[in-house]
Amino acid sequence: MTAVVNVFLKEGVLDPQGKAAHHALASLGFEGVKDVRIGKQIILQLDTEDKTKAEAEVKEMCETLLANTVIEDYTIEIN
């Protein structure tokens, strides 16, 4: 089973990488971009077939290590 975790800064938290990418895109002529937010994606290969157990375990991983929940949100997708 595969778990995909997307971690991104919470709304209202300054994203300097996103601002830099936004500025670079504008300087390259991509004027239609309103905002850019940079995040990270973590792909986990899990040794279980129990989707409920996998989701609970990955949520615990996020809360413990993978995301700084003070400033970051995350989504989990189990396949």
PDB file of N, CA and C in Angstrom:
ATOM      1  N   MET A   1       0.850  -1.172   0.000  1.00  0.00           N
ATOM      2  CA  MET A   1       0.000   0.000   0.000  1.00  0.00           C
ATOM      3  C   MET A   1       0.896   1.235   0.000  1.00  0.00           C
ATOM      4  N   THR A   2       0.461   2.256  -0.702  1.00  0.00           N
ATOM      5  CA  THR A   2       1.225   3.492  -0.806  1.00  0.00           C
ATOM      6  C   THR A   2       0.460   4.630  -0.130  1.00  0.00           C
ATOM      7  N   ALA A   3       1.186   5.431   0.644  1.00  0.00           N
ATOM      8  CA  ALA A   3       0.616   6.638   1.246  1.00  0.00           C
ATOM      9  C   ALA A   3       1.358   7.837   0.671  1.00  0.00           C
ATOM     10  N   VAL A   4       0.591   8.827   0.231  1.00  0.00           N
ATOM     11  CA  VAL A   4       1.166  10.066  -0.274  1.00  0.00           C
ATOM     12  C   VAL A   4       0.763  11.169   0.693  1.00  0.00           C
ATOM     13  N   VAL A   5       1.774  11.833   1.261  1.00  0.00           N
ATOM     14  CA  VAL A   5       1.554  12.920   2.213  1.00  0.00           C
ATOM     15  C   VAL A   5       2.018  14.211   1.561  1.00  0.00           C
ATOM     16  N   ASN A   6       1.132  15.183   1.487  1.00  0.00           N
ATOM     17  CA  ASN A   6       1.477  16.514   0.992  1.00  0.00           C
ATOM     18  C   ASN A   6       1.502  17.458   2.180  1.00  0.00           C
ATOM     19  N   VAL A   7       2.641  18.108   2.387  1.00  0.00           N
ATOM     20  CA  VAL A   7       2.827  19.032   3.504  1.00  0.00           C
ATOM     21  C   VAL A   7       3.005  20.431   2.927  1.00  0.00           C
ATOM     22  N   PHE A   8       2.285  21.393   3.491  1.00  0.00           N
ATOM     23  CA  PHE A   8       2.356  22.761   2.985  1.00  0.00           C
ATOM     24  C   PHE A   8       2.158  23.732   4.133  1.00  0.00           C
ATOM     25  N   LEU A   9       2.693  24.933   3.971  1.00  0.00           N
ATOM     26  CA  LEU A   9       2.569  25.946   5.004  1.00  0.00           C
ATOM     27  C   LEU A   9       1.111  26.369   5.171  1.00  0.00           C
ATOM     28  N   LYS A  10       0.736  26.626   6.402  1.00  0.00           N
ATOM     29  CA  LYS A  10      -0.623  27.095   6.674  1.00  0.00           C
ATOM     30  C   LYS A  10      -0.838  28.455   6.038  1.00  0.00           C
ATOM     31  N   GLU A  11      -2.093  28.718   5.727  1.00  0.00           N
ATOM     32  CA  GLU A  11      -2.463  30.023   5.177  1.00  0.00           C
ATOM     33  C   GLU A  11      -2.042  31.104   6.173  1.00  0.00           C
ATOM     34  N   GLY A  12      -1.437  32.147   5.680  1.00  0.00           N
ATOM     35  CA  GLY A  12      -0.995  33.242   6.538  1.00  0.00           C
ATOM     36  C   GLY A  12       0.450  33.135   6.988  1.00  0.00           C
ATOM     37  N   VAL A  13       1.080  31.963   6.800  1.00  0.00           N
ATOM     38  CA  VAL A  13       2.491  31.801   7.134  1.00  0.00           C
ATOM     39  C   VAL A  13       3.309  32.218   5.921  1.00  0.00           C
ATOM     40  N   LEU A  14       4.276  33.086   6.134  1.00  0.00           N
ATOM     41  CA  LEU A  14       5.120  33.586   5.049  1.00  0.00           C
ATOM     42  C   LEU A  14       5.842  32.432   4.354  1.00  0.00           C
ATOM     43  N   ASP A  15       5.822  32.447   3.034  1.00  0.00           N
ATOM     44  CA  ASP A  15       6.457  31.410   2.219  1.00  0.00           C
ATOM     45  C   ASP A  15       7.508  32.064   1.318  1.00  0.00           C
ATOM     46  N   PRO A  16       8.741  32.255   1.821  1.00  0.00           N
ATOM     47  CA  PRO A  16       9.766  32.928   1.023  1.00  0.00           C
ATOM     48  C   PRO A  16      10.111  32.185  -0.271  1.00  0.00           C
ATOM     49  N   GLN A  17      10.101  30.851  -0.253  1.00  0.00           N
ATOM     50  CA  GLN A  17      10.368  30.095  -1.483  1.00  0.00           C
ATOM     51  C   GLN A  17       9.267  30.345  -2.510  1.00  0.00           C
ATOM     52  N   GLY A  18       8.047  30.371  -2.047  1.00  0.00           N
ATOM     53  CA  GLY A  18       6.922  30.643  -2.941  1.00  0.00           C
ATOM     54  C   GLY A  18       7.010  32.035  -3.540  1.00  0.00           C
ATOM     55  N   LYS A  19       7.371  33.019  -2.717  1.00  0.00           N
ATOM     56  CA  LYS A  19       7.513  34.397  -3.206  1.00  0.00           C
ATOM     57  C   LYS A  19       8.625  34.482  -4.254  1.00  0.00           C
ATOM     58  N   ALA A  20       9.748  33.803  -3.994  1.00  0.00           N
ATOM     59  CA  ALA A  20      10.864  33.813  -4.951  1.00  0.00           C
ATOM     60  C   ALA A  20      10.451  33.163  -6.272  1.00  0.00           C
ATOM     61  N   ALA A  21       9.733  32.034  -6.184  1.00  0.00           N
ATOM     62  CA  ALA A  21       9.271  31.361  -7.402  1.00  0.00           C
ATOM     63  C   ALA A  21       8.270  32.241  -8.151  1.00  0.00           C
ATOM     64  N   HIS A  22       7.397  32.912  -7.428  1.00  0.00           N
ATOM     65  CA  HIS A  22       6.413  33.802  -8.046  1.00  0.00           C
ATOM     66  C   HIS A  22       7.114  34.932  -8.789  1.00  0.00           C
ATOM     67  N   HIS A  23       8.095  35.526  -8.141  1.00  0.00           N
ATOM     68  CA  HIS A  23       8.863  36.618  -8.773  1.00  0.00           C
ATOM     69  C   HIS A  23       9.589  36.099 -10.018  1.00  0.00           C
ATOM     70  N   ALA A  24      10.204  34.915  -9.923  1.00  0.00           N
ATOM     71  CA  ALA A  24      10.935  34.352 -11.065  1.00  0.00           C
ATOM     72  C   ALA A  24       9.986  34.054 -12.224  1.00  0.00           C
ATOM     73  N   LEU A  25       8.816  33.514 -11.917  1.00  0.00           N
ATOM     74  CA  LEU A  25       7.846  33.235 -12.981  1.00  0.00           C
ATOM     75  C   LEU A  25       7.404  34.520 -13.674  1.00  0.00           C
ATOM     76  N   ALA A  26       7.161  35.562 -12.875  1.00  0.00           N
ATOM     77  CA  ALA A  26       6.760  36.849 -13.456  1.00  0.00           C
ATOM     78  C   ALA A  26       7.867  37.402 -14.355  1.00  0.00           C
ATOM     79  N   SER A  27       9.120  37.264 -13.910  1.00  0.00           N
ATOM     80  CA  SER A  27      10.228  37.785 -14.714  1.00  0.00           C
ATOM     81  C   SER A  27      10.432  36.979 -15.995  1.00  0.00           C
ATOM     82  N   LEU A  28       9.929  35.743 -16.018  1.00  0.00           N
ATOM     83  CA  LEU A  28       9.996  34.914 -17.227  1.00  0.00           C
ATOM     84  C   LEU A  28       8.791  35.116 -18.135  1.00  0.00           C
ATOM     85  N   GLY A  29       7.894  36.007 -17.735  1.00  0.00           N
ATOM     86  CA  GLY A  29       6.765  36.329 -18.589  1.00  0.00           C
ATOM     87  C   GLY A  29       5.469  35.615 -18.232  1.00  0.00           C
ATOM     88  N   PHE A  30       5.444  34.861 -17.162  1.00  0.00           N
ATOM     89  CA  PHE A  30       4.222  34.178 -16.738  1.00  0.00           C
ATOM     90  C   PHE A  30       3.443  35.111 -15.814  1.00  0.00           C
ATOM     91  N   GLU A  31       2.709  36.019 -16.405  1.00  0.00           N
ATOM     92  CA  GLU A  31       2.029  37.081 -15.658  1.00  0.00           C
ATOM     93  C   GLU A  31       0.708  36.635 -15.038  1.00  0.00           C
ATOM     94  N   GLY A  32       0.149  35.527 -15.449  1.00  0.00           N
ATOM     95  CA  GLY A  32      -1.157  35.098 -14.965  1.00  0.00           C
ATOM     96  C   GLY A  32      -1.134  34.367 -13.630  1.00  0.00           C
ATOM     97  N   VAL A  33       0.029  34.244 -13.010  1.00  0.00           N
ATOM     98  CA  VAL A  33       0.140  33.520 -11.748  1.00  0.00           C
ATOM     99  C   VAL A  33      -0.119  34.487 -10.595  1.00  0.00           C
ATOM    100  N   LYS A  34      -1.167  34.222  -9.807  1.00  0.00           N
ATOM    101  CA  LYS A  34      -1.525  35.111  -8.700  1.00  0.00           C
ATOM    102  C   LYS A  34      -0.635  34.903  -7.476  1.00  0.00           C
ATOM    103  N   ASP A  35      -0.319  33.640  -7.164  1.00  0.00           N
ATOM    104  CA  ASP A  35       0.459  33.339  -5.961  1.00  0.00           C
ATOM    105  C   ASP A  35       1.103  31.976  -6.135  1.00  0.00           C
ATOM    106  N   VAL A  36       2.185  31.738  -5.419  1.00  0.00           N
ATOM    107  CA  VAL A  36       2.880  30.446  -5.436  1.00  0.00           C
ATOM    108  C   VAL A  36       3.145  30.043  -3.994  1.00  0.00           C
ATOM    109  N   ARG A  37       2.818  28.808  -3.666  1.00  0.00           N
ATOM    110  CA  ARG A  37       3.121  28.243  -2.355  1.00  0.00           C
ATOM    111  C   ARG A  37       3.939  26.981  -2.608  1.00  0.00           C
ATOM    112  N   ILE A  38       5.036  26.830  -1.910  1.00  0.00           N
ATOM    113  CA  ILE A  38       5.909  25.667  -2.066  1.00  0.00           C
ATOM    114  C   ILE A  38       5.674  24.722  -0.893  1.00  0.00           C
ATOM    115  N   GLY A  39       5.571  23.443  -1.187  1.00  0.00           N
ATOM    116  CA  GLY A  39       5.392  22.430  -0.152  1.00  0.00           C
ATOM    117  C   GLY A  39       6.299  21.249  -0.432  1.00  0.00           C
ATOM    118  N   LYS A  40       5.992  20.133   0.216  1.00  0.00           N
ATOM    119  CA  LYS A  40       6.774  18.923  -0.027  1.00  0.00           C
ATOM    120  C   LYS A  40       5.829  17.732  -0.088  1.00  0.00           C
ATOM    121  N   GLN A  41       6.251  16.709  -0.812  1.00  0.00           N
ATOM    122  CA  GLN A  41       5.473  15.488  -0.933  1.00  0.00           C
ATOM    123  C   GLN A  41       6.320  14.331  -0.430  1.00  0.00           C
ATOM    124  N   ILE A  42       5.723  13.504   0.406  1.00  0.00           N
ATOM    125  CA  ILE A  42       6.401  12.342   0.978  1.00  0.00           C
ATOM    126  C   ILE A  42       5.611  11.108   0.547  1.00  0.00           C
ATOM    127  N   ILE A  43       6.292  10.146  -0.057  1.00  0.00           N
ATOM    128  CA  ILE A  43       5.647   8.917  -0.518  1.00  0.00           C
ATOM    129  C   ILE A  43       6.166   7.767   0.337  1.00  0.00           C
ATOM    130  N   LEU A  44       5.242   7.086   0.985  1.00  0.00           N
ATOM    131  CA  LEU A  44       5.588   5.987   1.888  1.00  0.00           C
ATOM    132  C   LEU A  44       5.047   4.676   1.326  1.00  0.00           C
ATOM    133  N   GLN A  45       5.879   3.659   1.274  1.00  0.00           N
ATOM    134  CA  GLN A  45       5.442   2.313   0.932  1.00  0.00           C
ATOM    135  C   GLN A  45       5.176   1.584   2.247  1.00  0.00           C
ATOM    136  N   LEU A  46       3.935   1.184   2.460  1.00  0.00           N
ATOM    137  CA  LEU A  46       3.536   0.579   3.723  1.00  0.00           C
ATOM    138  C   LEU A  46       3.319  -0.921   3.560  1.00  0.00           C
ATOM    139  N   ASP A  47       3.644  -1.654   4.601  1.00  0.00           N
ATOM    140  CA  ASP A  47       3.500  -3.106   4.596  1.00  0.00           C
ATOM    141  C   ASP A  47       2.204  -3.487   5.317  1.00  0.00           C
ATOM    142  N   THR A  48       1.091  -3.071   4.750  1.00  0.00           N
ATOM    143  CA  THR A  48      -0.224  -3.404   5.299  1.00  0.00           C
ATOM    144  C   THR A  48      -1.256  -3.332   4.188  1.00  0.00           C
ATOM    145  N   GLU A  49      -2.347  -4.042   4.371  1.00  0.00           N
ATOM    146  CA  GLU A  49      -3.462  -3.972   3.431  1.00  0.00           C
ATOM    147  C   GLU A  49      -4.686  -3.349   4.094  1.00  0.00           C
ATOM    148  N   ASP A  50      -4.557  -2.980   5.357  1.00  0.00           N
ATOM    149  CA  ASP A  50      -5.653  -2.379   6.119  1.00  0.00           C
ATOM    150  C   ASP A  50      -5.597  -0.861   5.960  1.00  0.00           C
ATOM    151  N   LYS A  51      -6.493  -0.315   5.129  1.00  0.00           N
ATOM    152  CA  LYS A  51      -6.469   1.110   4.812  1.00  0.00           C
ATOM    153  C   LYS A  51      -6.708   1.982   6.044  1.00  0.00           C
ATOM    154  N   THR A  52      -7.600   1.580   6.916  1.00  0.00           N
ATOM    155  CA  THR A  52      -7.888   2.346   8.128  1.00  0.00           C
ATOM    156  C   THR A  52      -6.669   2.400   9.038  1.00  0.00           C
ATOM    157  N   LYS A  53      -6.022   1.260   9.223  1.00  0.00           N
ATOM    158  CA  LYS A  53      -4.812   1.202  10.047  1.00  0.00           C
ATOM    159  C   LYS A  53      -3.698   2.037   9.419  1.00  0.00           C
ATOM    160  N   ALA A  54      -3.550   1.942   8.107  1.00  0.00           N
ATOM    161  CA  ALA A  54      -2.513   2.692   7.400  1.00  0.00           C
ATOM    162  C   ALA A  54      -2.729   4.191   7.569  1.00  0.00           C
ATOM    163  N   GLU A  55      -3.969   4.646   7.403  1.00  0.00           N
ATOM    164  CA  GLU A  55      -4.254   6.073   7.533  1.00  0.00           C
ATOM    165  C   GLU A  55      -3.964   6.574   8.945  1.00  0.00           C
ATOM    166  N   ALA A  56      -4.339   5.796   9.953  1.00  0.00           N
ATOM    167  CA  ALA A  56      -4.074   6.181  11.346  1.00  0.00           C
ATOM    168  C   ALA A  56      -2.574   6.241  11.620  1.00  0.00           C
ATOM    169  N   GLU A  57      -1.848   5.274  11.099  1.00  0.00           N
ATOM    170  CA  GLU A  57      -0.404   5.224  11.313  1.00  0.00           C
ATOM    171  C   GLU A  57       0.304   6.394  10.627  1.00  0.00           C
ATOM    172  N   VAL A  58      -0.103   6.702   9.397  1.00  0.00           N
ATOM    173  CA  VAL A  58       0.511   7.811   8.669  1.00  0.00           C
ATOM    174  C   VAL A  58       0.169   9.141   9.334  1.00  0.00           C
ATOM    175  N   LYS A  59      -1.050   9.271   9.840  1.00  0.00           N
ATOM    176  CA  LYS A  59      -1.428  10.493  10.564  1.00  0.00           C
ATOM    177  C   LYS A  59      -0.529  10.675  11.783  1.00  0.00           C
ATOM    178  N   GLU A  60      -0.273   9.594  12.500  1.00  0.00           N
ATOM    179  CA  GLU A  60       0.634   9.665  13.660  1.00  0.00           C
ATOM    180  C   GLU A  60       2.050  10.058  13.224  1.00  0.00           C
ATOM    181  N   MET A  61       2.499   9.525  12.089  1.00  0.00           N
ATOM    182  CA  MET A  61       3.816   9.889  11.555  1.00  0.00           C
ATOM    183  C   MET A  61       3.879  11.385  11.261  1.00  0.00           C
ATOM    184  N   CYS A  62       2.824  11.910  10.664  1.00  0.00           N
ATOM    185  CA  CYS A  62       2.775  13.340  10.332  1.00  0.00           C
ATOM    186  C   CYS A  62       2.805  14.189  11.593  1.00  0.00           C
ATOM    187  N   GLU A  63       1.990  13.824  12.566  1.00  0.00           N
ATOM    188  CA  GLU A  63       1.902  14.597  13.801  1.00  0.00           C
ATOM    189  C   GLU A  63       3.198  14.531  14.609  1.00  0.00           C
ATOM    190  N   THR A  64       3.930  13.425  14.459  1.00  0.00           N
ATOM    191  CA  THR A  64       5.149  13.215  15.240  1.00  0.00           C
ATOM    192  C   THR A  64       6.401  13.747  14.557  1.00  0.00           C
ATOM    193  N   LEU A  65       6.499  13.565  13.225  1.00  0.00           N
ATOM    194  CA  LEU A  65       7.767  13.855  12.548  1.00  0.00           C
ATOM    195  C   LEU A  65       7.637  14.581  11.212  1.00  0.00           C
ATOM    196  N   LEU A  66       6.744  14.142  10.369  1.00  0.00           N
ATOM    197  CA  LEU A  66       6.756  14.578   8.973  1.00  0.00           C
ATOM    198  C   LEU A  66       6.280  16.006   8.751  1.00  0.00           C
ATOM    199  N   ALA A  67       5.451  16.538   9.650  1.00  0.00           N
ATOM    200  CA  ALA A  67       4.943  17.906   9.499  1.00  0.00           C
ATOM    201  C   ALA A  67       5.126  18.665  10.810  1.00  0.00           C
ATOM    202  N   ASN A  68       5.458  19.935  10.682  1.00  0.00           N
ATOM    203  CA  ASN A  68       5.495  20.826  11.845  1.00  0.00           C
ATOM    204  C   ASN A  68       4.102  21.435  11.938  1.00  0.00           C
ATOM    205  N   THR A  69       3.253  20.838  12.744  1.00  0.00           N
ATOM    206  CA  THR A  69       1.838  21.203  12.747  1.00  0.00           C
ATOM    207  C   THR A  69       1.563  22.596  13.310  1.00  0.00           C
ATOM    208  N   VAL A  70       2.571  23.246  13.840  1.00  0.00           N
ATOM    209  CA  VAL A  70       2.400  24.632  14.275  1.00  0.00           C
ATOM    210  C   VAL A  70       2.254  25.543  13.059  1.00  0.00           C
ATOM    211  N   ILE A  71       3.039  25.277  12.021  1.00  0.00           N
ATOM    212  CA  ILE A  71       3.036  26.147  10.846  1.00  0.00           C
ATOM    213  C   ILE A  71       2.654  25.431   9.548  1.00  0.00           C
ATOM    214  N   GLU A  72       2.464  24.110   9.604  1.00  0.00           N
ATOM    215  CA  GLU A  72       2.180  23.356   8.385  1.00  0.00           C
ATOM    216  C   GLU A  72       0.892  22.542   8.519  1.00  0.00           C
ATOM    217  N   ASP A  73       0.202  22.400   7.402  1.00  0.00           N
ATOM    218  CA  ASP A  73      -0.919  21.481   7.271  1.00  0.00           C
ATOM    219  C   ASP A  73      -0.467  20.336   6.382  1.00  0.00           C
ATOM    220  N   TYR A  74      -1.251  19.272   6.365  1.00  0.00           N
ATOM    221  CA  TYR A  74      -0.906  18.139   5.504  1.00  0.00           C
ATOM    222  C   TYR A  74      -2.175  17.426   5.058  1.00  0.00           C
ATOM    223  N   THR A  75      -2.046  16.722   3.942  1.00  0.00           N
ATOM    224  CA  THR A  75      -3.102  15.835   3.465  1.00  0.00           C
ATOM    225  C   THR A  75      -2.506  14.452   3.290  1.00  0.00           C
ATOM    226  N   ILE A  76      -3.343  13.449   3.439  1.00  0.00           N
ATOM    227  CA  ILE A  76      -2.909  12.062   3.293  1.00  0.00           C
ATOM    228  C   ILE A  76      -3.794  11.395   2.250  1.00  0.00           C
ATOM    229  N   GLU A  77      -3.147  10.679   1.316  1.00  0.00           N
ATOM    230  CA  GLU A  77      -3.872   9.884   0.332  1.00  0.00           C
ATOM    231  C   GLU A  77      -3.322   8.466   0.404  1.00  0.00           C
ATOM    232  N   ILE A  78      -4.206   7.510   0.633  1.00  0.00           N
ATOM    233  CA  ILE A  78      -3.802   6.102   0.726  1.00  0.00           C
ATOM    234  C   ILE A  78      -4.278   5.385  -0.531  1.00  0.00           C
ATOM    235  N   ASN A  79      -3.343   4.709  -1.206  1.00  0.00           N
ATOM    236  CA  ASN A  79      -3.679   3.939  -2.417  1.00  0.00           C
ATOM    237  C   ASN A  79      -3.313   2.484  -2.210  1.00  0.00           C
TER     238      ASN A  79
END
